[in-house]
């Protein structure tokens, strides 16, 4: 019984340590970039089309839903495709 309890405690400690050292995919207050930016392919495609054609765009959604990250990622993709884009 006592050995079983020690194994349970060791497992809990190991699991806790692993969670502490895991890389967080999203950091509050920072833009999601590269590997942390997930999907939104259609949104990026439409945004890039609008920007390339000089169409003004207004993004509306609640706070912290990734508007800035979306714009930053779309602009990086545009710059990589066309080095004259700014």
Protein backbone atom coordinates (compact mmCIF):
# COMPACT_ATOMS: atom_id res chain seq x y z
CA UNK A 1 0.00 0.00 0.00
CA UNK A 2 2.73 2.44 0.95
CA UNK A 3 4.76 1.69 -2.22
CA UNK A 4 1.66 2.29 -4.35
CA UNK A 5 1.14 5.69 -2.71
CA UNK A 6 4.76 6.68 -3.41
CA UNK A 7 4.34 5.71 -7.07
CA UNK A 8 1.22 7.89 -7.30
CA UNK A 9 3.06 10.84 -5.77
CA UNK A 10 6.04 10.35 -8.10
CA UNK A 11 3.69 10.27 -11.11
CA UNK A 12 1.93 13.46 -10.04
CA UNK A 13 5.26 15.24 -9.49
CA UNK A 14 6.59 14.14 -12.88
CA UNK A 15 3.39 15.22 -14.66
CA UNK A 16 3.51 18.61 -12.91
CA UNK A 17 7.16 19.17 -13.85
CA UNK A 18 6.42 18.25 -17.48
CA UNK A 19 3.54 20.77 -17.60
CA UNK A 20 5.73 23.51 -16.15
CA UNK A 21 8.43 22.96 -18.78
CA UNK A 22 6.05 22.60 -21.75
CA UNK A 23 6.31 25.32 -24.35
CA UNK A 24 3.13 27.38 -24.29
CA UNK A 25 1.67 27.74 -27.79
CA UNK A 26 0.04 31.07 -26.99
CA UNK A 27 1.54 33.73 -24.76
CA UNK A 28 -0.90 36.31 -23.47
CA UNK A 29 -0.06 39.78 -24.69
CA UNK A 30 2.16 38.67 -27.59
CA UNK A 31 1.34 38.20 -31.26
CA UNK A 32 1.11 34.65 -32.56
CA UNK A 33 3.84 34.17 -35.16
CA UNK A 34 5.15 31.41 -37.41
CA UNK A 35 4.62 28.04 -35.68
CA UNK A 36 2.12 29.47 -33.19
CA UNK A 37 -0.08 30.94 -35.92
CA UNK A 38 -2.70 28.34 -36.75
CA UNK A 39 -4.82 27.94 -39.88
CA UNK A 40 -6.90 30.99 -40.93
CA UNK A 41 -5.78 30.32 -44.50
CA UNK A 42 -8.96 31.68 -46.07
CA UNK A 43 -8.83 34.81 -43.90
CA UNK A 44 -5.20 35.42 -44.89
CA UNK A 45 -5.95 34.86 -48.55
CA UNK A 46 -8.83 37.36 -48.56
CA UNK A 47 -6.88 39.94 -46.57
CA UNK A 48 -3.88 39.68 -48.89
CA UNK A 49 -6.14 40.07 -51.94
CA UNK A 50 -7.70 43.21 -50.49
CA UNK A 51 -4.33 44.69 -49.54
CA UNK A 52 -2.76 43.92 -52.92
CA UNK A 53 -5.65 45.69 -54.67
CA UNK A 54 -5.56 48.77 -52.43
CA UNK A 55 -8.89 48.00 -50.77
CA UNK A 56 -9.30 49.40 -47.26
CA UNK A 57 -9.99 46.70 -44.68
CA UNK A 58 -11.53 46.91 -41.22
CA UNK A 59 -11.23 43.87 -38.97
CA UNK A 60 -13.85 43.67 -36.24
CA UNK A 61 -13.89 41.02 -33.54
CA UNK A 62 -13.59 40.85 -29.75
CA UNK A 63 -10.29 41.62 -28.09
CA UNK A 64 -7.59 38.94 -28.11
CA UNK A 65 -9.00 37.03 -31.11
CA UNK A 66 -5.89 37.42 -33.25
CA UNK A 67 -6.62 40.41 -35.49
CA UNK A 68 -3.11 41.82 -35.17
CA UNK A 69 -1.53 38.40 -35.61
CA UNK A 70 -3.60 37.86 -38.75
CA UNK A 71 -2.52 41.18 -40.27
CA UNK A 72 1.12 40.64 -39.35
CA UNK A 73 1.16 37.15 -40.87
CA UNK A 74 -0.56 38.32 -44.07
CA UNK A 75 1.90 41.20 -44.43
CA UNK A 76 4.88 38.89 -43.93
CA UNK A 77 3.55 36.59 -46.64
CA UNK A 78 3.03 39.55 -48.99
CA UNK A 79 6.55 40.83 -48.32
CA UNK A 80 8.02 37.38 -48.98
CA UNK A 81 6.13 37.11 -52.27
CA UNK A 82 6.81 40.71 -53.38
CA UNK A 83 9.81 42.44 -51.85
CA UNK A 84 8.50 45.86 -52.88
CA UNK A 85 5.44 45.45 -50.58
CA UNK A 86 5.56 47.49 -47.40
